[in-house]
Amino acid sequence: RLSRRGRTIIFSIHQPRYSIFKLFDSLTLLASGKVLYHGPAKHALEYFSSIGYECEPFNNPADFFLDVINGDSTAVAASKEDHRPVDTGKVAEDNVDSSVVDVLHQKYLSSSLYQSTKEALGKVELGQGSKQRLSKQEHEITYANGFFTQLYWVSKRSLKNLIRNPQASIAQIAVTIILALVVGAIFFGVKLDRSGIQNRVGSLFFVTTNQCFSSVSAIELFIRDKKLFV
């Protein structure tokens, strides 16, 4: 329902079963920072079959891909014994387990899938290059919502947190009132002369310093919500 409203939904699936995997449109396989496959999910098995890695009957494709990448699949053993890649270059075939990621990466770089992806990216770069050079401000990060919308919701959330934690709010109000009474008592009845001006400067300095140090308590939010943020 959220996705139909135009939202991008990101979620993680641990070992998806076949009924979930077959719903995927596009599949990208990564290992050690290298792309091993990027293309339609329904063509992934055909691609691996073309480079010598056959998926066993009744095997889950998602598990099969992970096994191939990790080098602990029977398909890797079968490929090692029965199938010898043609254009692996100087990659040692006697050590397939340690170099299977490099082999799969080189296979992908020489495939038609990579070429089509590279051509599509080239067209996008050409289209961007034909546009006028954007200013530095336009290169800054933009957001789906404006500043005032973000300010409204963050302020509303902060207000709810204050209302739901009345003890902390009461303590802050009490401390502020006590400090106001202390400062007011010290600087009460200041005269309009040179010493009075100095006393007013001192009171303003004290109040400003107190406000600066009291705002340090905001660091607690970063400490408390650090795990959630990460």
C-alpha atoms as a PDB file:
ATOM      1  CA  ARG A   1       0.000   0.000   0.000  1.00  0.00           C
ATOM      2  CA  LEU A   2       2.883   2.363   0.757  1.00  0.00           C
ATOM      3  CA  SER A   3       4.669   1.497  -2.481  1.00  0.00           C
ATOM      4  CA  ARG A   4       1.549   2.343  -4.491  1.00  0.00           C
ATOM      5  CA  ARG A   5       1.725   5.845  -3.027  1.00  0.00           C
ATOM      6  CA  GLY A   6       5.114   6.361  -4.637  1.00  0.00           C
ATOM      7  CA  ARG A   7       7.255   5.398  -1.659  1.00  0.00           C
ATOM      8  CA  THR A   8      10.480   3.412  -2.058  1.00  0.00           C
ATOM      9  CA  ILE A   9      10.370   0.390   0.239  1.00  0.00           C
ATOM     10  CA  ILE A  10      13.664  -1.238   1.261  1.00  0.00           C
ATOM     11  CA  PHE A  11      13.685  -4.421   3.310  1.00  0.00           C
ATOM     12  CA  SER A  12      16.019  -7.329   3.945  1.00  0.00           C
ATOM     13  CA  ILE A  13      15.221 -11.006   3.377  1.00  0.00           C
ATOM     14  CA  HIS A  14      17.409 -13.743   4.845  1.00  0.00           C
ATOM     15  CA  GLN A  15      17.541 -16.753   2.524  1.00  0.00           C
ATOM     16  CA  PRO A  16      14.332 -16.101   0.548  1.00  0.00           C
ATOM     17  CA  ARG A  17      12.482 -19.185  -0.619  1.00  0.00           C
ATOM     18  CA  TYR A  18      11.745 -19.754  -4.304  1.00  0.00           C
ATOM     19  CA  SER A  19       8.197 -18.425  -4.128  1.00  0.00           C
ATOM     20  CA  ILE A  20       9.660 -15.081  -2.989  1.00  0.00           C
ATOM     21  CA  PHE A  21      12.698 -15.153  -5.264  1.00  0.00           C
ATOM     22  CA  LYS A  22      10.594 -15.569  -8.407  1.00  0.00           C
ATOM     23  CA  LEU A  23       8.890 -12.242  -7.596  1.00  0.00           C
ATOM     24  CA  PHE A  24      12.185 -10.378  -8.108  1.00  0.00           C
ATOM     25  CA  ASP A  25      12.453  -8.396 -11.340  1.00  0.00           C
ATOM     26  CA  SER A  26      16.144  -7.503 -11.269  1.00  0.00           C
ATOM     27  CA  LEU A  27      19.006  -9.306  -9.568  1.00  0.00           C
ATOM     28  CA  THR A  28      22.460  -8.001  -8.657  1.00  0.00           C
ATOM     29  CA  LEU A  29      25.072 -10.302  -7.136  1.00  0.00           C
ATOM     30  CA  LEU A  30      28.039  -8.750  -5.339  1.00  0.00           C
ATOM     31  CA  ALA A  31      31.078 -10.321  -3.690  1.00  0.00           C
ATOM     32  CA  SER A  32      34.231  -8.636  -2.370  1.00  0.00           C
ATOM     33  CA  GLY A  33      33.122  -5.361  -3.958  1.00  0.00           C
ATOM     34  CA  LYS A  34      32.813  -6.910  -7.428  1.00  0.00           C
ATOM     35  CA  VAL A  35      29.685  -7.323  -9.546  1.00  0.00           C
ATOM     36  CA  LEU A  36      29.134 -10.965 -10.477  1.00  0.00           C
ATOM     37  CA  TYR A  37      25.738 -10.552 -12.112  1.00  0.00           C
ATOM     38  CA  HIS A  38      23.330  -7.741 -12.879  1.00  0.00           C
ATOM     39  CA  GLY A  39      20.247  -8.301 -14.975  1.00  0.00           C
ATOM     40  CA  PRO A  40      16.786  -9.872 -15.014  1.00  0.00           C
ATOM     41  CA  ALA A  41      16.337 -12.353 -12.183  1.00  0.00           C
ATOM     42  CA  LYS A  42      14.572 -14.861 -14.441  1.00  0.00           C
ATOM     43  CA  HIS A  43      17.665 -15.070 -16.689  1.00  0.00           C
ATOM     44  CA  ALA A  44      20.155 -15.579 -13.871  1.00  0.00           C
ATOM     45  CA  LEU A  45      20.012 -19.379 -13.947  1.00  0.00           C
ATOM     46  CA  GLU A  46      20.496 -19.384 -17.729  1.00  0.00           C
ATOM     47  CA  TYR A  47      23.500 -17.088 -17.364  1.00  0.00           C
ATOM     48  CA  PHE A  48      25.181 -19.285 -14.752  1.00  0.00           C
ATOM     49  CA  SER A  49      24.402 -22.361 -16.825  1.00  0.00           C
ATOM     50  CA  SER A  50      26.097 -20.740 -19.831  1.00  0.00           C
ATOM     51  CA  ILE A  51      29.325 -20.241 -17.865  1.00  0.00           C
ATOM     52  CA  GLY A  52      29.324 -23.787 -16.488  1.00  0.00           C
ATOM     53  CA  TYR A  53      27.448 -23.643 -13.192  1.00  0.00           C
ATOM     54  CA  GLU A  54      24.348 -25.849 -13.314  1.00  0.00           C
ATOM     55  CA  CYS A  55      21.685 -25.536 -10.651  1.00  0.00           C
ATOM     56  CA  GLU A  56      20.730 -28.916  -9.259  1.00  0.00           C
ATOM     57  CA  PRO A  57      17.062 -29.976  -9.556  1.00  0.00           C
ATOM     58  CA  PHE A  58      14.821 -28.829  -6.691  1.00  0.00           C
ATOM     59  CA  ASN A  59      17.503 -26.427  -5.465  1.00  0.00           C
ATOM     60  CA  ASN A  60      16.565 -22.911  -4.425  1.00  0.00           C
ATOM     61  CA  PRO A  61      18.140 -20.458  -6.917  1.00  0.00           C
ATOM     62  CA  ALA A  62      18.942 -17.959  -4.160  1.00  0.00           C
ATOM     63  CA  ASP A  63      20.829 -20.608  -2.175  1.00  0.00           C
ATOM     64  CA  PHE A  64      22.473 -21.822  -5.384  1.00  0.00           C
ATOM     65  CA  PHE A  65      23.876 -18.365  -6.162  1.00  0.00           C
ATOM     66  CA  LEU A  66      25.239 -17.977  -2.651  1.00  0.00           C
ATOM     67  CA  ASP A  67      26.816 -21.425  -2.799  1.00  0.00           C
ATOM     68  CA  VAL A  68      28.476 -20.639  -6.130  1.00  0.00           C
ATOM     69  CA  ILE A  69      29.881 -17.353  -4.819  1.00  0.00           C
ATOM     70  CA  ASN A  70      31.151 -18.981  -1.619  1.00  0.00           C
ATOM     71  CA  GLY A  71      32.697 -21.830  -3.598  1.00  0.00           C
ATOM     72  CA  ASP A  72      31.110 -24.607  -1.534  1.00  0.00           C
ATOM     73  CA  SER A  73      28.491 -25.832  -4.011  1.00  0.00           C
ATOM     74  CA  THR A  74      28.388 -29.140  -5.815  1.00  0.00           C
ATOM     75  CA  ALA A  75      27.930 -27.041  -8.944  1.00  0.00           C
ATOM     76  CA  VAL A  76      31.395 -25.578  -8.375  1.00  0.00           C
ATOM     77  CA  ALA A  77      32.839 -29.057  -7.969  1.00  0.00           C
ATOM     78  CA  ALA A  78      31.090 -30.207 -11.130  1.00  0.00           C
ATOM     79  CA  SER A  79      32.346 -27.174 -12.990  1.00  0.00           C
ATOM     80  CA  LYS A  80      35.847 -27.836 -11.724  1.00  0.00           C
ATOM     81  CA  GLU A  81      35.831 -31.434 -13.001  1.00  0.00           C
ATOM     82  CA  ASP A  82      33.647 -31.396 -16.112  1.00  0.00           C
ATOM     83  CA  HIS A  83      33.735 -27.818 -17.398  1.00  0.00           C
ATOM     84  CA  ARG A  84      36.846 -25.786 -18.113  1.00  0.00           C
ATOM     85  CA  PRO A  85      36.230 -22.090 -18.856  1.00  0.00           C
ATOM     86  CA  VAL A  86      37.710 -20.880 -22.111  1.00  0.00           C
ATOM     87  CA  ASP A  87      38.727 -17.281 -21.422  1.00  0.00           C
ATOM     88  CA  THR A  88      39.759 -17.243 -17.764  1.00  0.00           C
ATOM     89  CA  GLY A  89      43.214 -15.917 -18.654  1.00  0.00           C
ATOM     90  CA  LYS A  90      45.848 -16.670 -16.007  1.00  0.00           C
ATOM     91  CA  VAL A  91      43.391 -17.709 -13.314  1.00  0.00           C
ATOM     92  CA  ALA A  92      44.480 -21.016 -11.806  1.00  0.00           C
ATOM     93  CA  GLU A  93      41.811 -23.663 -12.329  1.00  0.00           C
ATOM     94  CA  ASP A  94      43.299 -25.836  -9.579  1.00  0.00           C
ATOM     95  CA  ASN A  95      42.285 -23.248  -6.999  1.00  0.00           C
ATOM     96  CA  VAL A  96      38.694 -22.488  -7.998  1.00  0.00           C
ATOM     97  CA  ASP A  97      37.524 -22.073  -4.396  1.00  0.00           C
ATOM     98  CA  SER A  98      39.795 -19.083  -3.747  1.00  0.00           C
ATOM     99  CA  SER A  99      39.424 -17.451  -7.171  1.00  0.00           C
ATOM    100  CA  VAL A 100      35.787 -18.172  -7.989  1.00  0.00           C
ATOM    101  CA  VAL A 101      34.832 -14.526  -7.323  1.00  0.00           C
ATOM    102  CA  ASP A 102      37.477 -13.275  -9.754  1.00  0.00           C
ATOM    103  CA  VAL A 103      36.418 -15.822 -12.365  1.00  0.00           C
ATOM    104  CA  LEU A 104      32.754 -14.911 -12.073  1.00  0.00           C
ATOM    105  CA  HIS A 105      33.614 -11.210 -12.220  1.00  0.00           C
ATOM    106  CA  GLN A 106      35.664 -11.640 -15.390  1.00  0.00           C
ATOM    107  CA  LYS A 107      32.893 -13.729 -16.906  1.00  0.00           C
ATOM    108  CA  TYR A 108      30.396 -10.989 -16.196  1.00  0.00           C
ATOM    109  CA  LEU A 109      32.660  -8.305 -17.693  1.00  0.00           C
ATOM    110  CA  SER A 110      32.794 -10.284 -20.946  1.00  0.00           C
ATOM    111  CA  SER A 111      29.049 -10.984 -21.061  1.00  0.00           C
ATOM    112  CA  SER A 112      26.383  -9.240 -23.096  1.00  0.00           C
ATOM    113  CA  LEU A 113      24.627  -8.207 -19.874  1.00  0.00           C
ATOM    114  CA  TYR A 114      27.578  -6.045 -18.890  1.00  0.00           C
ATOM    115  CA  GLN A 115      27.842  -4.539 -22.349  1.00  0.00           C
ATOM    116  CA  SER A 116      24.154  -3.573 -22.399  1.00  0.00           C
ATOM    117  CA  THR A 117      24.428  -2.072 -18.922  1.00  0.00           C
ATOM    118  CA  LYS A 118      27.542  -0.157 -19.930  1.00  0.00           C
ATOM    119  CA  GLU A 119      25.803   1.208 -23.023  1.00  0.00           C
ATOM    120  CA  ALA A 120      22.799   2.326 -20.961  1.00  0.00           C
ATOM    121  CA  LEU A 121      25.068   4.081 -18.466  1.00  0.00           C
ATOM    122  CA  GLY A 122      26.971   5.693 -21.350  1.00  0.00           C
ATOM    123  CA  LYS A 123      23.746   7.147 -22.717  1.00  0.00           C
ATOM    124  CA  VAL A 124      22.889   8.549 -19.304  1.00  0.00           C
ATOM    125  CA  GLU A 125      26.339  10.153 -19.010  1.00  0.00           C
ATOM    126  CA  LEU A 126      26.027  11.670 -22.477  1.00  0.00           C
ATOM    127  CA  GLY A 127      22.629  13.067 -21.587  1.00  0.00           C
ATOM    128  CA  GLN A 128      24.036  14.625 -18.427  1.00  0.00           C
ATOM    129  CA  GLY A 129      27.061  15.972 -20.289  1.00  0.00           C
ATOM    130  CA  SER A 130      24.886  17.832 -22.792  1.00  0.00           C
ATOM    131  CA  LYS A 131      23.236  19.821 -20.023  1.00  0.00           C
ATOM    132  CA  GLN A 132      24.689  23.030 -18.709  1.00  0.00           C
ATOM    133  CA  ARG A 133      27.094  22.830 -15.826  1.00  0.00           C
ATOM    134  CA  LEU A 134      25.135  22.966 -12.610  1.00  0.00           C
ATOM    135  CA  SER A 135      26.066  25.379  -9.909  1.00  0.00           C
ATOM    136  CA  LYS A 136      27.648  24.185  -6.705  1.00  0.00           C
ATOM    137  CA  GLN A 137      24.431  24.783  -4.815  1.00  0.00           C
ATOM    138  CA  GLU A 138      22.477  22.509  -7.166  1.00  0.00           C
ATOM    139  CA  HIS A 139      24.958  19.713  -6.501  1.00  0.00           C
ATOM    140  CA  GLU A 140      24.071  19.711  -2.829  1.00  0.00           C
ATOM    141  CA  ILE A 141      21.908  16.969  -1.382  1.00  0.00           C
ATOM    142  CA  THR A 142      18.214  17.553  -1.955  1.00  0.00           C
ATOM    143  CA  TYR A 143      15.289  16.063  -0.094  1.00  0.00           C
ATOM    144  CA  ALA A 144      11.819  14.938  -1.068  1.00  0.00           C
ATOM    145  CA  ASN A 145      10.276  17.401   1.394  1.00  0.00           C
ATOM    146  CA  GLY A 146      11.019  21.060   1.947  1.00  0.00           C
ATOM    147  CA  PHE A 147      12.759  22.605   4.937  1.00  0.00           C
ATOM    148  CA  PHE A 148       9.554  23.800   6.624  1.00  0.00           C
ATOM    149  CA  THR A 149       7.936  20.364   6.262  1.00  0.00           C
ATOM    150  CA  GLN A 150      10.939  18.746   7.913  1.00  0.00           C
ATOM    151  CA  LEU A 151      10.992  21.411  10.628  1.00  0.00           C
ATOM    152  CA  TYR A 152       7.278  20.863  11.317  1.00  0.00           C
ATOM    153  CA  TRP A 153       7.541  17.107  11.773  1.00  0.00           C
ATOM    154  CA  VAL A 154      10.783  17.209  13.765  1.00  0.00           C
ATOM    155  CA  SER A 155       9.329  19.893  16.040  1.00  0.00           C
ATOM    156  CA  LYS A 156       6.131  17.860  16.455  1.00  0.00           C
ATOM    157  CA  ARG A 157       8.146  14.778  17.362  1.00  0.00           C
ATOM    158  CA  SER A 158      10.254  16.741  19.863  1.00  0.00           C
ATOM    159  CA  LEU A 159       7.094  18.197  21.430  1.00  0.00           C
ATOM    160  CA  LYS A 160       5.624  14.711  21.825  1.00  0.00           C
ATOM    161  CA  ASN A 161       8.831  13.524  23.486  1.00  0.00           C
ATOM    162  CA  LEU A 162       8.615  16.412  25.955  1.00  0.00           C
ATOM    163  CA  ILE A 163       4.957  15.717  26.721  1.00  0.00           C
ATOM    164  CA  ARG A 164       5.593  11.989  27.191  1.00  0.00           C
ATOM    165  CA  ASN A 165       8.507  12.691  29.566  1.00  0.00           C
ATOM    166  CA  PRO A 166       7.046  15.313  31.911  1.00  0.00           C
ATOM    167  CA  GLN A 167       9.600  14.681  34.662  1.00  0.00           C
ATOM    168  CA  ALA A 168      12.485  15.904  32.510  1.00  0.00           C
ATOM    169  CA  SER A 169      10.476  18.944  31.412  1.00  0.00           C
ATOM    170  CA  ILE A 170       9.515  19.819  34.985  1.00  0.00           C
ATOM    171  CA  ALA A 171      13.138  19.490  36.100  1.00  0.00           C
ATOM    172  CA  GLN A 172      14.320  21.829  33.331  1.00  0.00           C
ATOM    173  CA  ILE A 173      11.636  24.400  34.175  1.00  0.00           C
ATOM    174  CA  ALA A 174      12.519  24.233  37.874  1.00  0.00           C
ATOM    175  CA  VAL A 175      16.240  24.726  37.214  1.00  0.00           C
ATOM    176  CA  THR A 176      15.497  27.654  34.890  1.00  0.00           C
ATOM    177  CA  ILE A 177      13.258  29.344  37.484  1.00  0.00           C
ATOM    178  CA  ILE A 178      15.861  28.892  40.255  1.00  0.00           C
ATOM    179  CA  LEU A 179      18.640  30.338  38.091  1.00  0.00           C
ATOM    180  CA  ALA A 180      16.389  33.237  37.085  1.00  0.00           C
ATOM    181  CA  LEU A 181      15.681  34.018  40.739  1.00  0.00           C
ATOM    182  CA  VAL A 182      19.376  33.813  41.659  1.00  0.00           C
ATOM    183  CA  VAL A 183      20.496  36.058  38.791  1.00  0.00           C
ATOM    184  CA  GLY A 184      17.616  38.443  39.398  1.00  0.00           C
ATOM    185  CA  ALA A 185      18.486  38.699  43.103  1.00  0.00           C
ATOM    186  CA  ILE A 186      22.161  39.357  42.396  1.00  0.00           C
ATOM    187  CA  PHE A 187      21.559  42.043  39.790  1.00  0.00           C
ATOM    188  CA  PHE A 188      18.402  43.526  41.343  1.00  0.00           C
ATOM    189  CA  GLY A 189      18.318  47.287  41.704  1.00  0.00           C
ATOM    190  CA  VAL A 190      21.237  48.056  39.377  1.00  0.00           C
ATOM    191  CA  LYS A 191      21.698  51.785  38.988  1.00  0.00           C
ATOM    192  CA  LEU A 192      21.986  53.727  35.715  1.00  0.00           C
ATOM    193  CA  ASP A 193      25.663  54.648  36.053  1.00  0.00           C
ATOM    194  CA  ARG A 194      29.047  53.285  34.919  1.00  0.00           C
ATOM    195  CA  SER A 195      29.082  50.500  37.484  1.00  0.00           C
ATOM    196  CA  GLY A 196      25.498  49.613  36.554  1.00  0.00           C
ATOM    197  CA  ILE A 197      26.516  49.192  32.915  1.00  0.00           C
ATOM    198  CA  GLN A 198      29.334  46.858  33.960  1.00  0.00           C
ATOM    199  CA  ASN A 199      26.929  44.883  36.135  1.00  0.00           C
ATOM    200  CA  ARG A 200      24.513  44.518  33.219  1.00  0.00           C
ATOM    201  CA  VAL A 201      27.327  43.297  30.988  1.00  0.00           C
ATOM    202  CA  GLY A 202      28.226  40.752  33.660  1.00  0.00           C
ATOM    203  CA  SER A 203      24.641  39.558  33.944  1.00  0.00           C
ATOM    204  CA  LEU A 204      24.321  39.178  30.165  1.00  0.00           C
ATOM    205  CA  PHE A 205      27.623  37.261  30.082  1.00  0.00           C
ATOM    206  CA  PHE A 206      26.454  34.961  32.881  1.00  0.00           C
ATOM    207  CA  VAL A 207      23.082  34.279  31.248  1.00  0.00           C
ATOM    208  CA  THR A 208      24.664  33.658  27.817  1.00  0.00           C
ATOM    209  CA  THR A 209      27.278  31.306  29.293  1.00  0.00           C
ATOM    210  CA  ASN A 210      24.592  29.425  31.217  1.00  0.00           C
ATOM    211  CA  GLN A 211      22.494  28.978  28.063  1.00  0.00           C
ATOM    212  CA  CYS A 212      25.504  27.722  26.092  1.00  0.00           C
ATOM    213  CA  PHE A 213      26.464  25.134  28.699  1.00  0.00           C
ATOM    214  CA  SER A 214      22.867  24.058  29.275  1.00  0.00           C
ATOM    215  CA  SER A 215      22.527  23.240  25.559  1.00  0.00           C
ATOM    216  CA  VAL A 216      25.341  20.681  25.934  1.00  0.00           C
ATOM    217  CA  SER A 217      22.687  18.331  27.322  1.00  0.00           C
ATOM    218  CA  ALA A 218      21.495  17.897  23.721  1.00  0.00           C
ATOM    219  CA  ILE A 219      24.483  15.591  23.211  1.00  0.00           C
ATOM    220  CA  GLU A 220      22.483  13.017  25.154  1.00  0.00           C
ATOM    221  CA  LEU A 221      20.216  12.641  22.110  1.00  0.00           C
ATOM    222  CA  PHE A 222      23.150  11.603  19.931  1.00  0.00           C
ATOM    223  CA  ILE A 223      24.386   9.119  22.521  1.00  0.00           C
ATOM    224  CA  ARG A 224      20.931   7.653  23.111  1.00  0.00           C
ATOM    225  CA  ASP A 225      19.855   7.454  19.445  1.00  0.00           C
ATOM    226  CA  LYS A 226      23.238   6.584  17.933  1.00  0.00           C
ATOM    227  CA  LYS A 227      22.431   2.899  17.430  1.00  0.00           C
ATOM    228  CA  LEU A 228      19.065   3.728  15.884  1.00  0.00           C
ATOM    229  CA  PHE A 229      20.654   6.285  13.560  1.00  0.00           C
ATOM    230  CA  VAL A 230      23.427   3.899  12.429  1.00  0.00           C
END
